[in-house]
Amino acid sequence: MELKKILAGVEGLKAKGNLDLEIPNVTTDSREIKAGDMFVAIKGFEADGHKYIPAAIEKGAKAVLIDEEEAKNVISSIPADVTLITTPSTRIAVAKCACNFYDNPSRKVQLIGITGTKGKTTTTFMLKNILEKQGIKAGLVGTIASYSGSKKIEDSDRTTPDSLHLQWLFSEMVKDGCKAIVMEVSSQSLKLHRVDGCDFDIGIFTNLSEDHISKNEHPDMQDYFNSKVKLFSMCKAGFVNNDDLHALRVPSMVPSCKFKTYGIDNGCDYLAKDITITNSYVDFRVRLNGKNERIKTCIPGRFSVYNSLAAICAAEKLGCSTENIKAALEEARVPGRSELVDNKLGLTIMIDYAHSTESLNNILSAVKAYTRGRVISVFGCGGDRDPAKRAHMGEVSGKIANYTIITSDNPRTEDPQKIVDQIEEGMKKTTGKYEVVVDRTQAIKKALEMANKIDIIVLAGKGHETYQEINHEKHPYDERVIIKQVVDEILEERNEKK
């Protein structure tokens, strides 16, 4: 594509050099540069792309897009045959360039964005299931993976990809025949302009609770909330959870978007009534397409009602039939969300992605309500993330679970012992029984050894993840595989004692 077409609509540009160049690819990674490409220098939290401009040019970059503040530092190193473009913000500029380069794929589909602290992943899977039941081929972009219809394109390493990769994913889905795309939109992606230029048809705000507050994420809750609200300035229609005080504020903040509401406790457009919650499903009544309908979903917990309502709102807006909505929700399953794992010991073992104070509270409260025996909680907290929540999560588990095993979960560059010590501070504020087993596999083994068939073991934090991240390396760690190995080990040990 011609460079001037890639740059079309990008505000505040200044250029030195030829804009009629044919550019085969645009990238922010100097290692990916091939002859003729454009390199965009992004100043990140850990690395500054401006330092890699010489490497990009050496590999053949013919155009370089930089922050205007950096121009004086790099202009002398730019050869005459390389076009230099400056902009007030390369993050904003590259998002628009990405849309142009991939021919604005989001304009060719119905694009639904879901933001909020909890419920994004489950709601995206529910809605994708409904759309496909309706006969609408749908793509999905989110925390677990990206899909085009039933085909997995790739596993995800972040909730919302950077703008260039996101637009590439959209273009692949469009080529593959998708007519709708459902995506999780993280607060970071909104703050860092990854979704700028996306043409959203519908936005959903699920809820807001404390999470992602750290030096590399959001400095405080107001910044976290304001970042999420940005989604709705890009949407034609929006749906918000009327039971969440933060979400309730959104419609008045974005008058350009037409909003409707959903909820359980407060009057709203989509109100769930007569709710039944069991250990294997929830069902409720809601007015859908003009009639009161009974909805069932086989993901237990009160939060599943909210997620179902969010999916229902968007599905009805997109013209899905009542029959298809009901059938799809009953069939919906989400990896690592209230996921029950079959095992030879006959124990009830649930894997859940709960990794914030409120999500841990929700999952433990949900299982506590229907478990005849004990709730055994096994969890840790990620390193290099909000340290303030660690004690709070310990306190939550201490108050709700009958027994807690504090362990390690993606320590990243932090000392795992330091993290569990901080969790333990909150645990000590309760009367809950607990122990610390830093090695996660040994913690899981301990839980399985102490449980009986009327107990439930909740392995919280990892969910769909299949790795343990330590010092920038992701080591294979799939809890489903670990459970099988531990069960076999326990059975072998028991046989040896006979």
Protein backbone atom coordinates (compact mmCIF):
# COMPACT_ATOMS: atom_id res chain seq x y z
CA MET A 1 0.00 0.00 0.00
CA GLU A 2 1.17 3.54 -0.73
CA LEU A 3 2.61 5.31 2.31
CA LYS A 4 0.32 8.30 1.87
CA LYS A 5 -2.72 6.00 1.97
CA ILE A 6 -1.45 4.33 5.14
CA LEU A 7 -1.11 7.77 6.74
CA ALA A 8 -4.51 9.08 5.55
CA GLY A 9 -6.49 10.70 8.33
CA VAL A 10 -3.66 10.65 10.88
CA GLU A 11 -3.63 14.05 12.56
CA GLY A 12 -0.61 16.24 13.32
CA LEU A 13 1.83 14.61 10.89
CA LYS A 14 5.02 16.17 9.59
CA ALA A 15 6.97 14.36 6.91
CA LYS A 16 10.41 14.54 5.37
CA GLY A 17 10.91 12.39 2.29
CA ASN A 18 8.90 10.50 -0.31
CA LEU A 19 5.24 9.69 0.58
CA ASP A 20 4.60 7.82 -2.69
CA LEU A 21 6.53 4.77 -1.49
CA GLU A 22 4.94 1.35 -1.73
CA ILE A 23 5.03 -0.14 1.78
CA PRO A 24 4.74 -3.95 2.03
CA ASN A 25 4.27 -4.03 5.81
CA VAL A 26 4.00 -1.90 8.94
CA THR A 27 5.46 -3.05 12.26
CA THR A 28 6.48 -1.80 15.70
CA ASP A 29 9.06 -4.59 16.10
CA SER A 30 12.41 -3.86 14.48
CA ARG A 31 13.18 -7.60 14.39
CA GLU A 32 10.30 -8.13 11.94
CA ILE A 33 11.45 -5.49 9.45
CA LYS A 34 11.95 -6.56 5.84
CA ALA A 35 13.04 -4.48 2.85
CA GLY A 36 10.69 -1.56 2.19
CA ASP A 37 8.69 -1.77 5.43
CA MET A 38 7.59 1.06 7.71
CA PHE A 39 8.82 1.01 11.29
CA VAL A 40 6.75 2.69 14.01
CA ALA A 41 8.69 3.58 17.16
CA ILE A 42 6.61 3.11 20.32
CA LYS A 43 7.84 4.22 23.73
CA GLY A 44 6.73 1.37 26.01
CA PHE A 45 6.95 0.72 29.74
CA GLU A 46 10.05 -1.45 29.44
CA ALA A 47 11.53 -0.58 26.04
CA ASP A 48 11.70 2.50 23.82
CA GLY A 49 11.26 1.74 20.13
CA HIS A 50 13.14 4.89 19.17
CA LYS A 51 16.35 3.15 20.25
CA TYR A 52 15.78 0.50 17.58
CA ILE A 53 15.45 2.86 14.62
CA PRO A 54 19.04 2.21 13.40
CA ALA A 55 18.42 -1.55 13.54
CA ALA A 56 15.16 -1.17 11.60
CA ILE A 57 16.84 0.93 8.90
CA GLU A 58 19.73 -1.52 8.66
CA LYS A 59 17.19 -4.30 8.00
CA GLY A 60 15.60 -2.30 5.17
CA ALA A 61 12.95 0.04 6.62
CA LYS A 62 12.13 2.78 4.08
CA ALA A 63 9.81 4.81 6.33
CA VAL A 64 9.99 5.58 10.05
CA LEU A 65 7.17 7.00 12.18
CA ILE A 66 8.30 8.57 15.46
CA ASP A 67 7.06 10.76 18.32
CA GLU A 68 7.74 14.41 17.46
CA GLU A 69 9.42 14.90 20.83
CA GLU A 70 12.10 12.39 19.79
CA ALA A 71 12.84 13.99 16.41
CA LYS A 72 15.84 16.02 17.61
CA ASN A 73 17.41 12.86 19.06
CA VAL A 74 17.12 10.67 15.97
CA ILE A 75 16.91 12.91 12.89
CA SER A 76 20.66 12.88 12.32
CA SER A 77 20.64 9.08 12.11
CA ILE A 78 17.97 8.91 9.37
CA PRO A 79 19.45 8.44 5.86
CA ALA A 80 18.19 10.67 3.03
CA ASP A 81 16.44 7.77 1.29
CA VAL A 82 14.32 6.92 4.37
CA THR A 83 11.10 8.86 4.86
CA LEU A 84 10.75 10.32 8.35
CA ILE A 85 7.28 11.03 9.72
CA THR A 86 6.67 12.66 13.10
CA THR A 87 3.43 12.67 15.08
CA PRO A 88 2.30 13.88 18.52
CA SER A 89 1.62 10.25 19.52
CA THR A 90 2.82 7.16 17.69
CA ARG A 91 0.32 5.02 19.65
CA ILE A 92 -2.61 7.01 18.24
CA ALA A 93 -1.05 7.23 14.80
CA VAL A 94 -0.25 3.53 14.45
CA ALA A 95 -3.84 2.58 15.34
CA LYS A 96 -5.15 4.67 12.45
CA CYS A 97 -2.38 3.39 10.15
CA ALA A 98 -3.32 -0.18 11.05
CA CYS A 99 -6.96 0.45 10.12
CA ASN A 100 -5.89 1.95 6.79
CA PHE A 101 -3.34 -0.76 6.01
CA TYR A 102 -5.86 -3.56 6.50
CA ASP A 103 -8.65 -1.64 4.72
CA ASN A 104 -10.76 -0.92 7.81
CA PRO A 105 -12.06 -4.46 8.38
CA SER A 106 -14.21 -3.46 11.38
CA ARG A 107 -16.49 -1.53 9.00
CA LYS A 108 -17.30 -4.78 7.18
CA VAL A 109 -18.74 -6.62 10.20
CA GLN A 110 -20.95 -6.07 13.23
CA LEU A 111 -18.36 -5.33 15.94
CA ILE A 112 -19.33 -5.85 19.58
CA GLY A 113 -16.95 -4.71 22.32
CA ILE A 114 -17.26 -5.87 25.93
CA THR A 115 -15.47 -4.08 28.77
CA GLY A 116 -15.58 -4.34 32.56
CA THR A 117 -13.57 -5.98 35.34
CA LYS A 118 -15.36 -9.33 35.33
CA GLY A 119 -17.47 -11.28 32.89
CA LYS A 120 -15.88 -10.20 29.62
CA THR A 121 -14.60 -13.60 28.57
CA THR A 122 -17.73 -15.55 29.46
CA THR A 123 -20.00 -12.98 27.82
CA THR A 124 -18.01 -13.03 24.58
CA PHE A 125 -18.26 -16.82 24.37
CA MET A 126 -21.98 -16.73 25.16
CA LEU A 127 -22.66 -14.10 22.50
CA LYS A 128 -20.53 -15.84 19.88
CA ASN A 129 -22.46 -19.04 20.58
CA ILE A 130 -25.79 -17.25 20.09
CA LEU A 131 -24.70 -15.59 16.85
CA GLU A 132 -23.54 -18.89 15.38
CA LYS A 133 -26.76 -20.60 16.47
CA GLN A 134 -28.51 -17.83 14.51
CA GLY A 135 -26.40 -18.72 11.46
CA ILE A 136 -24.10 -15.68 11.71
CA LYS A 137 -20.44 -16.64 11.41
CA ALA A 138 -18.63 -14.83 14.22
CA GLY A 139 -15.07 -14.10 15.21
CA LEU A 140 -13.86 -13.69 18.79
CA VAL A 141 -10.90 -11.79 20.23
CA GLY A 142 -10.18 -12.17 23.92
CA THR A 143 -8.19 -13.35 26.89
CA ILE A 144 -8.18 -17.04 25.98
CA ALA A 145 -7.70 -17.03 22.22
CA SER A 146 -8.84 -15.53 18.92
CA TYR A 147 -11.28 -17.53 16.79
CA SER A 148 -12.77 -17.24 13.34
CA GLY A 149 -15.94 -19.31 13.54
CA SER A 150 -14.92 -22.68 14.97
CA LYS A 151 -11.27 -22.24 13.93
CA LYS A 152 -8.77 -21.04 16.51
CA ILE A 153 -6.43 -18.51 14.92
CA GLU A 154 -4.08 -18.26 17.89
CA ASP A 155 -3.83 -18.36 21.67
CA SER A 156 -3.75 -14.97 23.37
CA ASP A 157 -0.99 -13.45 25.48
CA ARG A 158 -3.08 -10.39 26.37
CA THR A 159 -6.79 -9.56 26.46
CA THR A 160 -6.72 -7.08 23.57
CA PRO A 161 -3.83 -7.22 21.05
CA ASP A 162 -1.90 -4.16 19.88
CA SER A 163 -3.54 -2.20 17.07
CA LEU A 164 -1.58 -3.68 14.15
CA HIS A 165 -2.17 -7.24 15.26
CA LEU A 166 -5.81 -6.53 16.08
CA GLN A 167 -6.55 -5.16 12.61
CA TRP A 168 -4.74 -8.14 11.07
CA LEU A 169 -6.97 -10.48 13.08
CA PHE A 170 -10.06 -8.60 11.94
CA SER A 171 -8.94 -8.80 8.31
CA GLU A 172 -8.36 -12.56 8.59
CA MET A 173 -11.85 -13.00 10.05
CA VAL A 174 -13.41 -10.93 7.28
CA LYS A 175 -11.57 -13.00 4.64
CA ASP A 176 -12.87 -16.12 6.37
CA GLY A 177 -16.47 -14.96 6.02
CA CYS A 178 -17.22 -13.63 9.50
CA LYS A 179 -20.16 -11.23 9.62
CA ALA A 180 -19.74 -10.31 13.29
CA ILE A 181 -16.82 -10.06 15.71
CA VAL A 182 -17.16 -10.16 19.50
CA MET A 183 -14.20 -8.89 21.46
CA GLU A 184 -13.01 -8.20 24.97
CA VAL A 185 -11.86 -4.61 25.26
CA SER A 186 -9.45 -4.13 28.16
CA SER A 187 -8.94 -0.85 29.97
CA GLN A 188 -5.28 -0.93 28.94
CA SER A 189 -6.19 -1.26 25.26
CA LEU A 190 -8.42 1.79 25.54
CA LYS A 191 -5.87 3.81 27.48
CA LEU A 192 -3.07 2.88 25.08
CA HIS A 193 -5.21 3.50 21.94
CA ARG A 194 -5.05 -0.09 20.65
CA VAL A 195 -8.69 0.02 19.52
CA ASP A 196 -8.66 3.57 18.10
CA GLY A 197 -10.30 3.59 14.69
CA CYS A 198 -12.42 0.51 15.35
CA ASP A 199 -16.02 0.90 14.19
CA PHE A 200 -17.99 -0.56 17.12
CA ASP A 201 -21.69 -1.23 16.66
CA ILE A 202 -22.38 -2.28 20.25
CA GLY A 203 -20.56 -1.81 23.55
CA ILE A 204 -21.26 -3.57 26.85
CA PHE A 205 -20.09 -2.49 30.33
CA THR A 206 -20.30 -5.45 32.72
CA ASN A 207 -19.08 -4.03 36.05
CA LEU A 208 -16.14 -2.34 37.74
CA SER A 209 -14.15 -3.41 40.79
CA GLU A 210 -10.56 -2.87 41.89
CA ASP A 211 -8.06 -4.52 39.58
CA HIS A 212 -5.13 -3.53 37.34
CA ILE A 213 -3.98 -0.76 39.68
CA SER A 214 -0.19 -0.64 39.37
CA LYS A 215 2.61 1.50 38.01
CA ASN A 216 2.40 -0.10 34.55
CA GLU A 217 -1.41 -0.17 34.36
CA HIS A 218 -3.67 2.39 36.06
CA PRO A 219 -2.56 4.73 38.87
CA ASP A 220 -6.01 4.72 40.49
CA MET A 221 -9.63 3.60 40.09
CA GLN A 222 -10.70 6.82 38.38
CA ASP A 223 -8.17 6.31 35.60
CA TYR A 224 -9.26 2.66 35.32
CA PHE A 225 -12.93 3.67 35.02
CA ASN A 226 -12.31 6.58 32.63
CA SER A 227 -10.31 4.30 30.33
CA LYS A 228 -13.21 1.83 30.05
CA VAL A 229 -15.74 4.59 29.38
CA LYS A 230 -13.81 5.53 26.21
CA LEU A 231 -15.26 2.48 24.47
CA PHE A 232 -18.72 4.01 24.30
CA SER A 233 -17.58 7.12 22.46
CA MET A 234 -16.86 4.67 19.60
CA CYS A 235 -20.22 2.84 19.81
CA LYS A 236 -23.63 3.34 18.25
CA ALA A 237 -25.45 1.42 21.00
CA GLY A 238 -24.49 0.47 24.56
CA PHE A 239 -25.71 -1.83 27.33
CA VAL A 240 -24.74 -1.39 30.99
CA ASN A 241 -25.24 -3.36 34.20
CA ASN A 242 -27.81 -1.35 36.16
CA ASP A 243 -26.74 -3.01 39.44
CA ASP A 244 -23.18 -1.69 39.20
CA LEU A 245 -22.80 1.86 40.50
CA HIS A 246 -19.88 2.60 38.17
CA ALA A 247 -21.54 1.21 35.05
CA LEU A 248 -24.69 3.16 35.90
CA ARG A 249 -22.77 6.41 35.44
CA VAL A 250 -21.73 5.67 31.88
CA PRO A 251 -24.87 6.68 29.89
CA SER A 252 -24.80 10.26 31.20
CA MET A 253 -21.09 10.49 30.37
CA VAL A 254 -21.49 9.49 26.70
CA PRO A 255 -24.71 11.05 25.37
CA SER A 256 -23.76 10.22 21.78
CA CYS A 257 -24.37 6.49 22.46
CA LYS A 258 -27.89 5.05 22.86
CA PHE A 259 -28.01 2.94 26.04
CA LYS A 260 -30.20 0.24 27.54
CA THR A 261 -29.74 -1.48 30.89
CA TYR A 262 -29.77 -4.98 32.37
CA GLY A 263 -29.68 -6.32 35.91
CA ILE A 264 -31.17 -8.28 38.78
CA ASP A 265 -31.74 -5.94 41.71
CA ASN A 266 -32.79 -2.65 40.12
CA GLY A 267 -35.41 -1.76 37.53
CA CYS A 268 -33.98 -1.95 34.01
CA ASP A 269 -34.73 -2.86 30.40
CA TYR A 270 -33.62 -6.51 30.80
CA LEU A 271 -34.53 -7.59 34.34
CA ALA A 272 -33.85 -11.14 35.54
CA LYS A 273 -36.53 -12.57 37.86
CA ASP A 274 -37.30 -15.90 39.58
CA ILE A 275 -33.64 -16.94 39.64
CA THR A 276 -32.66 -20.53 40.44
CA ILE A 277 -29.01 -21.38 41.15
CA THR A 278 -27.75 -24.96 41.48
CA ASN A 279 -24.32 -26.60 41.40
CA SER A 280 -24.60 -27.24 37.66
CA TYR A 281 -26.75 -24.45 36.18
CA VAL A 282 -28.70 -21.24 36.71
CA ASP A 283 -32.05 -20.33 35.25
CA PHE A 284 -34.14 -17.19 35.36
CA ARG A 285 -36.98 -15.35 33.66
CA VAL A 286 -36.49 -12.28 31.46
CA ARG A 287 -38.56 -10.38 28.90
CA LEU A 288 -37.13 -11.23 25.50
CA ASN A 289 -38.48 -10.21 22.10
CA GLY A 290 -41.72 -9.07 23.77
CA LYS A 291 -42.40 -12.20 25.86
CA ASN A 292 -41.38 -13.51 29.28
CA GLU A 293 -38.93 -16.35 28.68
CA ARG A 294 -37.16 -18.89 30.90
CA ILE A 295 -33.40 -18.89 30.29
CA LYS A 296 -31.02 -21.62 31.44
CA THR A 297 -27.23 -21.69 31.32
CA CYS A 298 -24.99 -24.48 32.57
CA ILE A 299 -22.41 -22.18 34.15
CA PRO A 300 -23.29 -21.97 37.86
CA GLY A 301 -23.23 -18.81 39.95
CA ARG A 302 -25.21 -15.57 40.22
CA PHE A 303 -22.65 -13.85 38.00
CA SER A 304 -23.75 -16.14 35.17
CA VAL A 305 -27.12 -14.41 35.22
CA TYR A 306 -25.41 -11.06 34.58
CA ASN A 307 -23.24 -12.50 31.82
CA SER A 308 -26.26 -14.13 30.18
CA LEU A 309 -28.23 -10.88 30.35
CA ALA A 310 -25.36 -8.98 28.72
CA ALA A 311 -25.23 -11.51 25.88
CA ILE A 312 -29.02 -11.43 25.52
CA CYS A 313 -29.07 -7.63 25.17
CA ALA A 314 -26.63 -7.63 22.29
CA ALA A 315 -28.14 -10.72 20.67
CA GLU A 316 -31.63 -9.22 20.59
CA LYS A 317 -30.21 -5.97 19.18
CA LEU A 318 -28.57 -8.02 16.42
CA GLY A 319 -31.88 -9.72 15.56
CA CYS A 320 -31.32 -13.17 17.07
CA SER A 321 -34.42 -15.28 17.73
CA THR A 322 -35.59 -16.27 21.20
CA GLU A 323 -35.20 -19.97 20.37
CA ASN A 324 -31.58 -19.55 19.25
CA ILE A 325 -30.70 -17.39 22.27
CA LYS A 326 -32.13 -19.95 24.68
CA ALA A 327 -30.52 -22.96 22.98
CA ALA A 328 -27.09 -21.29 22.67
CA LEU A 329 -26.96 -20.15 26.30
CA GLU A 330 -27.82 -23.62 27.56
CA GLU A 331 -24.97 -25.08 25.49
CA ALA A 332 -22.38 -22.37 26.28
CA ARG A 333 -19.11 -23.47 27.88
CA VAL A 334 -16.02 -21.35 28.59
CA PRO A 335 -12.52 -22.78 29.23
CA GLY A 336 -11.29 -21.91 32.72
CA ARG A 337 -14.51 -20.28 33.89
CA SER A 338 -16.27 -22.38 36.55
CA GLU A 339 -14.77 -25.36 34.69
CA LEU A 340 -15.32 -28.72 36.40
CA VAL A 341 -12.54 -31.25 35.84
CA ASP A 342 -13.33 -34.98 35.71
CA ASN A 343 -10.90 -37.12 37.69
CA LYS A 344 -10.38 -40.71 38.86
CA LEU A 345 -10.80 -39.75 42.52
CA GLY A 346 -14.37 -38.65 41.90
CA LEU A 347 -13.72 -35.26 43.52
CA THR A 348 -15.39 -31.99 42.55
CA ILE A 349 -12.56 -29.83 41.24
CA MET A 350 -13.29 -26.45 39.69
CA ILE A 351 -10.80 -24.34 37.73
CA ASP A 352 -11.63 -20.64 37.58
CA TYR A 353 -9.76 -17.57 36.36
CA ALA A 354 -10.72 -15.52 39.46
CA HIS A 355 -7.68 -13.34 40.11
CA SER A 356 -9.12 -10.22 41.76
CA THR A 357 -10.67 -9.67 45.17
CA GLU A 358 -14.21 -9.44 43.85
CA SER A 359 -13.95 -12.32 41.38
CA LEU A 360 -12.53 -14.59 44.12
CA ASN A 361 -15.34 -13.49 46.42
CA ASN A 362 -17.90 -14.26 43.71
CA ILE A 363 -16.68 -17.74 42.84
CA LEU A 364 -16.19 -18.83 46.46
CA SER A 365 -19.58 -17.41 47.48
CA ALA A 366 -21.23 -19.13 44.52
CA VAL A 367 -19.87 -22.59 45.31
CA LYS A 368 -20.39 -22.14 49.06
CA ALA A 369 -24.12 -21.74 48.43
CA TYR A 370 -24.55 -25.19 46.92
CA THR A 371 -21.72 -27.31 48.37
CA ARG A 372 -22.72 -29.86 51.04
CA GLY A 373 -19.16 -30.29 52.27
CA ARG A 374 -16.19 -27.96 52.57
CA VAL A 375 -14.99 -25.30 50.16
CA ILE A 376 -11.23 -25.76 49.72
CA SER A 377 -9.65 -22.69 48.11
CA VAL A 378 -6.27 -22.86 46.37
CA PHE A 379 -4.99 -19.55 45.01
CA GLY A 380 -2.11 -17.11 44.68
CA CYS A 381 -1.55 -13.65 43.22
CA GLY A 382 0.44 -12.65 40.16
CA GLY A 383 3.75 -10.87 40.53
CA ASP A 384 4.39 -7.40 39.07
CA ARG A 385 0.69 -6.62 39.42
CA ASP A 386 -1.41 -4.70 41.95
CA PRO A 387 0.14 -5.67 45.31
CA ALA A 388 -2.64 -3.97 47.31
CA LYS A 389 -5.17 -6.67 46.42
CA ARG A 390 -3.11 -9.55 47.85
CA ALA A 391 -4.10 -9.13 51.50
CA HIS A 392 -7.70 -8.43 50.48
CA MET A 393 -7.85 -11.71 48.55
CA GLY A 394 -6.42 -13.56 51.54
CA GLU A 395 -9.10 -12.03 53.74
CA VAL A 396 -11.87 -12.99 51.30
CA SER A 397 -10.74 -16.60 51.12
CA GLY A 398 -10.33 -16.75 54.90
CA LYS A 399 -13.88 -15.55 55.44
CA ILE A 400 -15.63 -17.74 52.87
CA ALA A 401 -13.63 -20.94 52.32
CA ASN A 402 -13.51 -23.67 54.94
CA TYR A 403 -9.84 -24.20 54.17
CA THR A 404 -7.37 -22.18 52.12
CA ILE A 405 -4.05 -23.18 50.61
CA ILE A 406 -2.04 -20.11 49.65
CA THR A 407 0.30 -20.79 46.76
CA SER A 408 2.11 -19.29 43.77
CA ASP A 409 0.55 -17.95 40.57
CA ASN A 410 2.69 -16.33 37.85
CA PRO A 411 5.24 -14.71 40.19
CA ARG A 412 6.92 -13.11 37.18
CA THR A 413 9.93 -11.17 38.50
CA GLU A 414 8.87 -11.16 42.16
CA ASP A 415 9.85 -13.55 44.93
CA PRO A 416 6.92 -16.03 45.32
CA GLN A 417 7.46 -16.19 49.08
CA LYS A 418 7.04 -12.41 49.36
CA ILE A 419 3.73 -12.59 47.48
CA VAL A 420 2.29 -15.38 49.64
CA ASP A 421 3.43 -13.53 52.78
CA GLN A 422 1.36 -10.53 51.67
CA ILE A 423 -1.67 -12.75 51.03
CA GLU A 424 -1.19 -14.31 54.46
CA GLU A 425 -1.44 -10.88 56.12
CA GLY A 426 -5.08 -10.70 55.01
CA MET A 427 -5.74 -14.32 55.93
CA LYS A 428 -4.59 -13.65 59.50
CA LYS A 429 -7.39 -11.09 59.91
CA THR A 430 -9.89 -13.96 59.71
CA THR A 431 -10.53 -17.15 61.65
CA GLY A 432 -10.24 -19.22 58.47
CA LYS A 433 -8.06 -22.33 58.51
CA TYR A 434 -5.19 -22.26 56.06
CA GLU A 435 -1.67 -23.25 55.19
CA VAL A 436 1.00 -22.00 52.80
CA VAL A 437 2.38 -24.29 50.08
CA VAL A 438 4.38 -22.13 47.68
CA ASP A 439 4.82 -24.84 45.03
CA ARG A 440 1.50 -24.82 43.17
CA THR A 441 1.59 -28.49 42.20
CA GLN A 442 2.18 -29.51 45.80
CA ALA A 443 -0.63 -27.17 46.85
CA ILE A 444 -3.00 -28.88 44.44
CA LYS A 445 -1.86 -32.28 45.71
CA LYS A 446 -2.50 -31.22 49.30
CA ALA A 447 -6.03 -30.10 48.40
CA LEU A 448 -6.83 -33.34 46.60
CA GLU A 449 -5.47 -35.45 49.45
CA MET A 450 -7.57 -33.71 52.08
CA ALA A 451 -10.84 -33.52 50.09
CA ASN A 452 -13.72 -35.95 50.12
CA LYS A 453 -16.52 -36.40 47.60
CA ILE A 454 -18.89 -33.84 49.13
CA ASP A 455 -16.25 -31.09 49.19
CA ILE A 456 -15.40 -28.75 46.33
CA ILE A 457 -11.86 -27.66 45.46
CA VAL A 458 -11.57 -24.29 43.74
CA LEU A 459 -8.29 -23.72 41.92
CA ALA A 460 -8.47 -19.97 41.36
CA GLY A 461 -6.33 -17.64 39.28
CA LYS A 462 -5.05 -19.56 36.27
CA GLY A 463 -8.27 -20.58 34.53
CA HIS A 464 -7.55 -21.05 30.83
CA GLU A 465 -3.82 -20.30 31.18
CA THR A 466 -1.45 -23.12 30.32
CA TYR A 467 1.74 -21.63 31.74
CA GLN A 468 3.44 -20.36 34.89
CA GLU A 469 5.36 -17.13 34.21
CA ILE A 470 8.66 -16.84 36.09
CA ASN A 471 11.34 -14.23 35.30
CA HIS A 472 9.94 -13.41 31.85
CA GLU A 473 9.71 -17.10 30.87
CA LYS A 474 6.43 -18.96 30.43
CA HIS A 475 6.81 -22.53 31.66
CA PRO A 476 4.17 -25.08 30.56
CA TYR A 477 1.56 -25.40 33.32
CA ASP A 478 -1.94 -26.60 32.45
CA GLU A 479 -3.91 -27.31 35.62
CA ARG A 480 -5.98 -29.96 33.84
CA VAL A 481 -2.76 -31.86 33.07
CA ILE A 482 -1.41 -31.22 36.58
CA ILE A 483 -4.61 -32.57 38.16
CA LYS A 484 -4.38 -35.78 36.13
CA GLN A 485 -0.72 -36.25 37.09
CA VAL A 486 -1.39 -35.55 40.77
CA VAL A 487 -4.40 -37.89 40.84
CA ASP A 488 -2.32 -40.69 39.29
CA GLU A 489 0.41 -40.02 41.86
CA ILE A 490 -2.07 -40.16 44.77
CA LEU A 491 -3.64 -43.38 43.50
CA GLU A 492 -0.20 -44.98 43.09
CA GLU A 493 0.81 -43.97 46.61
CA ARG A 494 -2.42 -45.38 48.02
CA ASN A 495 -1.93 -48.66 46.16
CA GLU A 496 1.60 -48.96 47.57
CA LYS A 497 0.25 -48.64 51.10
CA LYS A 498 -2.21 -51.51 50.64
